[in-house]
Amino acid sequence: MPFLASRRAGDDVTESPRSDAFPTRLARRVGYALVLLPAAVATVGAVAAGRSDRAAAWWARAAEQGLAAQTSSRRPGAGRLLAHALLCVPLGLLALVPLGVEILFVLRGVLYPLVDQGPYDHSWGGPTMGGAWAVHFIVALPFAAAGLGALWQLSRLHGRLAGGMWGRKVGPGPVLATVVSCAVAVVLVIAWTHQL
């Protein structure tokens, strides 16, 4: 996962990632959630090609960054890596929902005048372009914040689930949260597609 830089030799490994500024932590967590699906596919490919050591190194770098739980310095075997990759697939698919919310925020909030050329007589905030733009932007802001929050929570949920790959007991809570989140996302996507 190229966005995760490994620590330098002189870095203090016990340093908490919380020492970073909030925007940096947010960007790291959101980016991590967004690459779960490609990372899962890459992990399956690496294990199939006999490069499970490379896939284990990716996940170990994520653990070093505080994005996934690591309790053992021992690298997981091919079986655990494959199980972990299969676990990442629903979380990676789930991350597509808040990603869609962020894309809609940019298109319908930030770039509203480019998406809707007018007239704005029946638009929220109309009849002027400036009023319609302002209202669409303001209405979209809480949804954009909720999308970023959902991506943050997905990365945290994955961090809890990733502990199983490193030999830590996961428990039923994160698994149940994953199942419920996926079910809610399916209902949300079905409801949204019926409105199109």
C-alpha atoms as a PDB file:
ATOM      1  CA  MET A   1       0.000   0.000   0.000  1.00  0.00           C
ATOM      2  CA  PRO A   2       2.028   2.928  -1.280  1.00  0.00           C
ATOM      3  CA  PHE A   3       0.320   5.622   0.804  1.00  0.00           C
ATOM      4  CA  LEU A   4       1.682   4.072   3.991  1.00  0.00           C
ATOM      5  CA  ALA A   5       5.287   5.013   4.511  1.00  0.00           C
ATOM      6  CA  SER A   6       7.331   2.685   6.660  1.00  0.00           C
ATOM      7  CA  ARG A   7       9.018   4.118   9.715  1.00  0.00           C
ATOM      8  CA  ARG A   8      12.663   5.144   9.539  1.00  0.00           C
ATOM      9  CA  ALA A   9      15.205   3.246  11.595  1.00  0.00           C
ATOM     10  CA  GLY A  10      15.563   6.045  14.160  1.00  0.00           C
ATOM     11  CA  ASP A  11      11.839   6.553  14.759  1.00  0.00           C
ATOM     12  CA  ASP A  12      10.404   5.696  18.142  1.00  0.00           C
ATOM     13  CA  VAL A  13       8.135   2.701  17.555  1.00  0.00           C
ATOM     14  CA  THR A  14       6.195   3.369  20.753  1.00  0.00           C
ATOM     15  CA  GLU A  15       5.190   6.834  19.548  1.00  0.00           C
ATOM     16  CA  SER A  16       1.452   7.092  19.158  1.00  0.00           C
ATOM     17  CA  PRO A  17       0.018   8.134  15.803  1.00  0.00           C
ATOM     18  CA  ARG A  18      -2.210  10.481  17.843  1.00  0.00           C
ATOM     19  CA  SER A  19       0.753  12.871  17.993  1.00  0.00           C
ATOM     20  CA  ASP A  20       0.025  13.766  14.370  1.00  0.00           C
ATOM     21  CA  ALA A  21      -2.235  16.695  13.623  1.00  0.00           C
ATOM     22  CA  PHE A  22      -5.913  15.848  13.218  1.00  0.00           C
ATOM     23  CA  PRO A  23      -6.032  16.548   9.441  1.00  0.00           C
ATOM     24  CA  THR A  24      -3.087  14.192   8.930  1.00  0.00           C
ATOM     25  CA  ARG A  25      -4.724  11.435  10.982  1.00  0.00           C
ATOM     26  CA  LEU A  26      -8.025  11.986   9.172  1.00  0.00           C
ATOM     27  CA  ALA A  27      -6.387  11.788   5.742  1.00  0.00           C
ATOM     28  CA  ARG A  28      -4.461   8.660   6.745  1.00  0.00           C
ATOM     29  CA  ARG A  29      -7.560   6.912   8.130  1.00  0.00           C
ATOM     30  CA  VAL A  30      -9.786   7.887   5.186  1.00  0.00           C
ATOM     31  CA  GLY A  31      -7.121   6.814   2.690  1.00  0.00           C
ATOM     32  CA  TYR A  32      -6.699   3.532   4.526  1.00  0.00           C
ATOM     33  CA  ALA A  33     -10.439   2.812   4.392  1.00  0.00           C
ATOM     34  CA  LEU A  34     -10.537   3.631   0.685  1.00  0.00           C
ATOM     35  CA  VAL A  35      -7.751   1.195  -0.216  1.00  0.00           C
ATOM     36  CA  LEU A  36      -9.113  -1.783   1.728  1.00  0.00           C
ATOM     37  CA  LEU A  37     -10.694  -3.336  -1.361  1.00  0.00           C
ATOM     38  CA  PRO A  38      -7.637  -2.927  -3.637  1.00  0.00           C
ATOM     39  CA  ALA A  39      -5.381  -4.097  -0.789  1.00  0.00           C
ATOM     40  CA  ALA A  40      -7.535  -7.208  -0.349  1.00  0.00           C
ATOM     41  CA  VAL A  41      -7.283  -7.999  -4.060  1.00  0.00           C
ATOM     42  CA  ALA A  42      -3.533  -7.359  -4.016  1.00  0.00           C
ATOM     43  CA  THR A  43      -3.173  -9.624  -0.970  1.00  0.00           C
ATOM     44  CA  VAL A  44      -4.980 -12.478  -2.719  1.00  0.00           C
ATOM     45  CA  GLY A  45      -2.794 -11.956  -5.796  1.00  0.00           C
ATOM     46  CA  ALA A  46       0.399 -11.867  -3.743  1.00  0.00           C
ATOM     47  CA  VAL A  47      -0.516 -15.047  -1.855  1.00  0.00           C
ATOM     48  CA  ALA A  48      -1.495 -16.789  -5.115  1.00  0.00           C
ATOM     49  CA  ALA A  49       1.862 -15.778  -6.625  1.00  0.00           C
ATOM     50  CA  GLY A  50       3.709 -17.174  -3.621  1.00  0.00           C
ATOM     51  CA  ARG A  51       4.587 -13.732  -2.251  1.00  0.00           C
ATOM     52  CA  SER A  52       2.725 -13.907   1.054  1.00  0.00           C
ATOM     53  CA  ASP A  53       5.751 -12.305   2.732  1.00  0.00           C
ATOM     54  CA  ARG A  54       5.176  -9.183   0.645  1.00  0.00           C
ATOM     55  CA  ALA A  55       1.467  -9.038   1.564  1.00  0.00           C
ATOM     56  CA  ALA A  56       2.331  -9.534   5.242  1.00  0.00           C
ATOM     57  CA  ALA A  57       4.762  -6.618   4.979  1.00  0.00           C
ATOM     58  CA  TRP A  58       1.978  -4.343   3.646  1.00  0.00           C
ATOM     59  CA  TRP A  59      -0.258  -5.129   6.590  1.00  0.00           C
ATOM     60  CA  ALA A  60       2.668  -4.842   9.036  1.00  0.00           C
ATOM     61  CA  ARG A  61       3.354  -1.305   7.757  1.00  0.00           C
ATOM     62  CA  ALA A  62      -0.297  -0.461   8.349  1.00  0.00           C
ATOM     63  CA  ALA A  63       0.012  -1.802  11.895  1.00  0.00           C
ATOM     64  CA  GLU A  64       3.156   0.292  12.464  1.00  0.00           C
ATOM     65  CA  GLN A  65       1.216   3.374  11.423  1.00  0.00           C
ATOM     66  CA  GLY A  66      -1.419   2.578  14.041  1.00  0.00           C
ATOM     67  CA  LEU A  67      -4.060   1.839  11.392  1.00  0.00           C
ATOM     68  CA  ALA A  68      -4.362  -1.857  12.182  1.00  0.00           C
ATOM     69  CA  ALA A  69      -3.776  -3.758  15.375  1.00  0.00           C
ATOM     70  CA  GLN A  70      -0.595  -5.774  15.646  1.00  0.00           C
ATOM     71  CA  THR A  71       0.200  -7.718  18.787  1.00  0.00           C
ATOM     72  CA  SER A  72       2.874 -10.065  17.477  1.00  0.00           C
ATOM     73  CA  SER A  73       6.026  -9.465  15.494  1.00  0.00           C
ATOM     74  CA  ARG A  74       5.511 -12.859  13.822  1.00  0.00           C
ATOM     75  CA  ARG A  75       4.303 -12.572  10.250  1.00  0.00           C
ATOM     76  CA  PRO A  76       0.955 -14.249   9.475  1.00  0.00           C
ATOM     77  CA  GLY A  77       0.919 -17.246   7.182  1.00  0.00           C
ATOM     78  CA  ALA A  78      -0.767 -17.524   3.799  1.00  0.00           C
ATOM     79  CA  GLY A  79      -3.996 -18.899   5.299  1.00  0.00           C
ATOM     80  CA  ARG A  80      -4.419 -15.989   7.702  1.00  0.00           C
ATOM     81  CA  LEU A  81      -3.590 -13.508   4.963  1.00  0.00           C
ATOM     82  CA  LEU A  82      -6.242 -15.004   2.665  1.00  0.00           C
ATOM     83  CA  ALA A  83      -8.821 -14.990   5.458  1.00  0.00           C
ATOM     84  CA  HIS A  84      -7.936 -11.386   6.209  1.00  0.00           C
ATOM     85  CA  ALA A  85      -8.237 -10.411   2.547  1.00  0.00           C
ATOM     86  CA  LEU A  86     -11.682 -11.995   2.353  1.00  0.00           C
ATOM     87  CA  LEU A  87     -12.660 -10.069   5.481  1.00  0.00           C
ATOM     88  CA  CYS A  88     -11.476  -6.825   3.860  1.00  0.00           C
ATOM     89  CA  VAL A  89     -13.738  -7.259   0.832  1.00  0.00           C
ATOM     90  CA  PRO A  90     -17.036  -6.352   2.579  1.00  0.00           C
ATOM     91  CA  LEU A  91     -15.362  -3.443   4.379  1.00  0.00           C
ATOM     92  CA  GLY A  92     -13.843  -2.251   1.117  1.00  0.00           C
ATOM     93  CA  LEU A  93     -17.220  -2.466  -0.610  1.00  0.00           C
ATOM     94  CA  LEU A  94     -18.799  -0.689   2.337  1.00  0.00           C
ATOM     95  CA  ALA A  95     -16.280   2.142   1.944  1.00  0.00           C
ATOM     96  CA  LEU A  96     -17.692   2.799  -1.541  1.00  0.00           C
ATOM     97  CA  VAL A  97     -20.912   4.193   0.004  1.00  0.00           C
ATOM     98  CA  PRO A  98     -19.274   7.115   1.870  1.00  0.00           C
ATOM     99  CA  LEU A  99     -16.942   7.577  -1.099  1.00  0.00           C
ATOM    100  CA  GLY A 100     -20.055   8.094  -3.230  1.00  0.00           C
ATOM    101  CA  VAL A 101     -21.310  10.638  -0.700  1.00  0.00           C
ATOM    102  CA  GLU A 102     -18.022  12.549  -0.994  1.00  0.00           C
ATOM    103  CA  ILE A 103     -18.185  12.486  -4.798  1.00  0.00           C
ATOM    104  CA  LEU A 104     -21.760  13.796  -4.694  1.00  0.00           C
ATOM    105  CA  PHE A 105     -20.612  16.544  -2.307  1.00  0.00           C
ATOM    106  CA  VAL A 106     -18.026  17.695  -4.807  1.00  0.00           C
ATOM    107  CA  LEU A 107     -20.373  17.453  -7.806  1.00  0.00           C
ATOM    108  CA  ARG A 108     -23.617  18.735  -6.278  1.00  0.00           C
ATOM    109  CA  GLY A 109     -22.153  21.021  -3.598  1.00  0.00           C
ATOM    110  CA  VAL A 110     -18.819  22.453  -4.649  1.00  0.00           C
ATOM    111  CA  LEU A 111     -19.313  22.322  -8.434  1.00  0.00           C
ATOM    112  CA  TYR A 112     -23.076  22.871  -8.476  1.00  0.00           C
ATOM    113  CA  PRO A 113     -23.096  25.652 -11.145  1.00  0.00           C
ATOM    114  CA  LEU A 114     -21.144  23.384 -13.504  1.00  0.00           C
ATOM    115  CA  VAL A 115     -23.538  20.470 -12.961  1.00  0.00           C
ATOM    116  CA  ASP A 116     -26.778  22.477 -13.213  1.00  0.00           C
ATOM    117  CA  GLN A 117     -26.616  25.231 -15.812  1.00  0.00           C
ATOM    118  CA  GLY A 118     -29.935  26.739 -14.733  1.00  0.00           C
ATOM    119  CA  PRO A 119     -32.432  28.305 -14.808  1.00  0.00           C
ATOM    120  CA  TYR A 120     -32.568  28.212 -11.020  1.00  0.00           C
ATOM    121  CA  ASP A 121     -36.203  29.262 -10.569  1.00  0.00           C
ATOM    122  CA  HIS A 122     -37.191  25.945  -8.957  1.00  0.00           C
ATOM    123  CA  SER A 123     -33.827  25.082  -7.334  1.00  0.00           C
ATOM    124  CA  TRP A 124     -33.194  25.270  -3.611  1.00  0.00           C
ATOM    125  CA  GLY A 125     -31.905  28.787  -2.984  1.00  0.00           C
ATOM    126  CA  GLY A 126     -32.990  30.017  -6.422  1.00  0.00           C
ATOM    127  CA  PRO A 127     -33.765  32.009  -8.470  1.00  0.00           C
ATOM    128  CA  THR A 128     -30.126  33.189  -8.581  1.00  0.00           C
ATOM    129  CA  MET A 129     -27.160  30.950  -9.310  1.00  0.00           C
ATOM    130  CA  GLY A 130     -25.303  32.207  -6.208  1.00  0.00           C
ATOM    131  CA  GLY A 131     -28.222  31.413  -3.913  1.00  0.00           C
ATOM    132  CA  ALA A 132     -28.726  27.943  -5.382  1.00  0.00           C
ATOM    133  CA  TRP A 133     -25.011  27.230  -5.143  1.00  0.00           C
ATOM    134  CA  ALA A 134     -24.808  28.404  -1.511  1.00  0.00           C
ATOM    135  CA  VAL A 135     -27.815  26.361  -0.398  1.00  0.00           C
ATOM    136  CA  HIS A 136     -26.649  23.195  -2.159  1.00  0.00           C
ATOM    137  CA  PHE A 137     -23.180  23.600  -0.660  1.00  0.00           C
ATOM    138  CA  ILE A 138     -24.490  24.204   2.873  1.00  0.00           C
ATOM    139  CA  VAL A 139     -26.920  21.271   2.685  1.00  0.00           C
ATOM    140  CA  ALA A 140     -24.150  18.973   1.403  1.00  0.00           C
ATOM    141  CA  LEU A 141     -21.625  19.876   4.137  1.00  0.00           C
ATOM    142  CA  PRO A 142     -23.096  17.668   6.914  1.00  0.00           C
ATOM    143  CA  PHE A 143     -23.317  14.735   4.503  1.00  0.00           C
ATOM    144  CA  ALA A 144     -19.669  15.217   3.523  1.00  0.00           C
ATOM    145  CA  ALA A 145     -18.683  15.299   7.205  1.00  0.00           C
ATOM    146  CA  ALA A 146     -20.743  12.152   7.853  1.00  0.00           C
ATOM    147  CA  GLY A 147     -19.036  10.416   4.910  1.00  0.00           C
ATOM    148  CA  LEU A 148     -15.585  11.240   6.293  1.00  0.00           C
ATOM    149  CA  GLY A 149     -16.702  10.054   9.729  1.00  0.00           C
ATOM    150  CA  ALA A 150     -17.970   6.782   8.254  1.00  0.00           C
ATOM    151  CA  LEU A 151     -14.636   6.199   6.493  1.00  0.00           C
ATOM    152  CA  TRP A 152     -12.783   6.955   9.747  1.00  0.00           C
ATOM    153  CA  GLN A 153     -14.945   4.424  11.593  1.00  0.00           C
ATOM    154  CA  LEU A 154     -14.466   1.805   8.862  1.00  0.00           C
ATOM    155  CA  SER A 155     -10.707   2.088   9.226  1.00  0.00           C
ATOM    156  CA  ARG A 156     -11.059   1.705  13.014  1.00  0.00           C
ATOM    157  CA  LEU A 157     -13.338  -1.310  12.556  1.00  0.00           C
ATOM    158  CA  HIS A 158     -10.819  -2.876  10.213  1.00  0.00           C
ATOM    159  CA  GLY A 159      -8.083  -2.193  12.738  1.00  0.00           C
ATOM    160  CA  ARG A 160     -10.030  -4.187  15.317  1.00  0.00           C
ATOM    161  CA  LEU A 161     -10.667  -7.037  12.866  1.00  0.00           C
ATOM    162  CA  ALA A 162      -7.047  -7.074  11.698  1.00  0.00           C
ATOM    163  CA  GLY A 163      -5.953  -8.158  15.154  1.00  0.00           C
ATOM    164  CA  GLY A 164      -7.047 -11.696  14.289  1.00  0.00           C
ATOM    165  CA  MET A 165      -4.409 -11.819  11.572  1.00  0.00           C
ATOM    166  CA  TRP A 166      -1.734 -11.086  14.182  1.00  0.00           C
ATOM    167  CA  GLY A 167      -3.020 -13.646  16.688  1.00  0.00           C
ATOM    168  CA  ARG A 168      -5.118 -11.343  18.872  1.00  0.00           C
ATOM    169  CA  LYS A 169      -8.594 -12.450  19.936  1.00  0.00           C
ATOM    170  CA  VAL A 170     -11.136 -10.339  18.044  1.00  0.00           C
ATOM    171  CA  GLY A 171     -14.414 -11.191  19.733  1.00  0.00           C
ATOM    172  CA  PRO A 172     -17.941 -10.958  18.319  1.00  0.00           C
ATOM    173  CA  GLY A 173     -18.342  -7.155  18.528  1.00  0.00           C
ATOM    174  CA  PRO A 174     -16.375  -6.109  15.428  1.00  0.00           C
ATOM    175  CA  VAL A 175     -17.769  -9.015  13.409  1.00  0.00           C
ATOM    176  CA  LEU A 176     -21.338  -8.082  14.378  1.00  0.00           C
ATOM    177  CA  ALA A 177     -20.634  -4.415  13.578  1.00  0.00           C
ATOM    178  CA  THR A 178     -19.370  -5.437  10.129  1.00  0.00           C
ATOM    179  CA  VAL A 179     -22.453  -7.549   9.396  1.00  0.00           C
ATOM    180  CA  VAL A 180     -24.879  -4.848  10.594  1.00  0.00           C
ATOM    181  CA  SER A 181     -23.008  -2.114   8.683  1.00  0.00           C
ATOM    182  CA  CYS A 182     -23.090  -4.144   5.476  1.00  0.00           C
ATOM    183  CA  ALA A 183     -26.827  -4.819   5.880  1.00  0.00           C
ATOM    184  CA  VAL A 184     -27.547  -1.122   6.476  1.00  0.00           C
ATOM    185  CA  ALA A 185     -25.430  -0.183   3.444  1.00  0.00           C
ATOM    186  CA  VAL A 186     -27.338  -2.634   1.222  1.00  0.00           C
ATOM    187  CA  VAL A 187     -30.665  -1.162   2.352  1.00  0.00           C
ATOM    188  CA  LEU A 188     -29.357   2.381   1.801  1.00  0.00           C
ATOM    189  CA  VAL A 189     -28.047   1.627  -1.688  1.00  0.00           C
ATOM    190  CA  ILE A 190     -31.294  -0.122  -2.701  1.00  0.00           C
ATOM    191  CA  ALA A 191     -33.366   2.809  -1.407  1.00  0.00           C
ATOM    192  CA  TRP A 192     -31.131   5.296  -3.201  1.00  0.00           C
ATOM    193  CA  THR A 193     -31.251   3.443  -6.538  1.00  0.00           C
ATOM    194  CA  HIS A 194     -35.074   3.352  -6.388  1.00  0.00           C
ATOM    195  CA  GLN A 195     -35.033   7.174  -6.280  1.00  0.00           C
ATOM    196  CA  LEU A 196     -33.069   7.490  -9.523  1.00  0.00           C
END
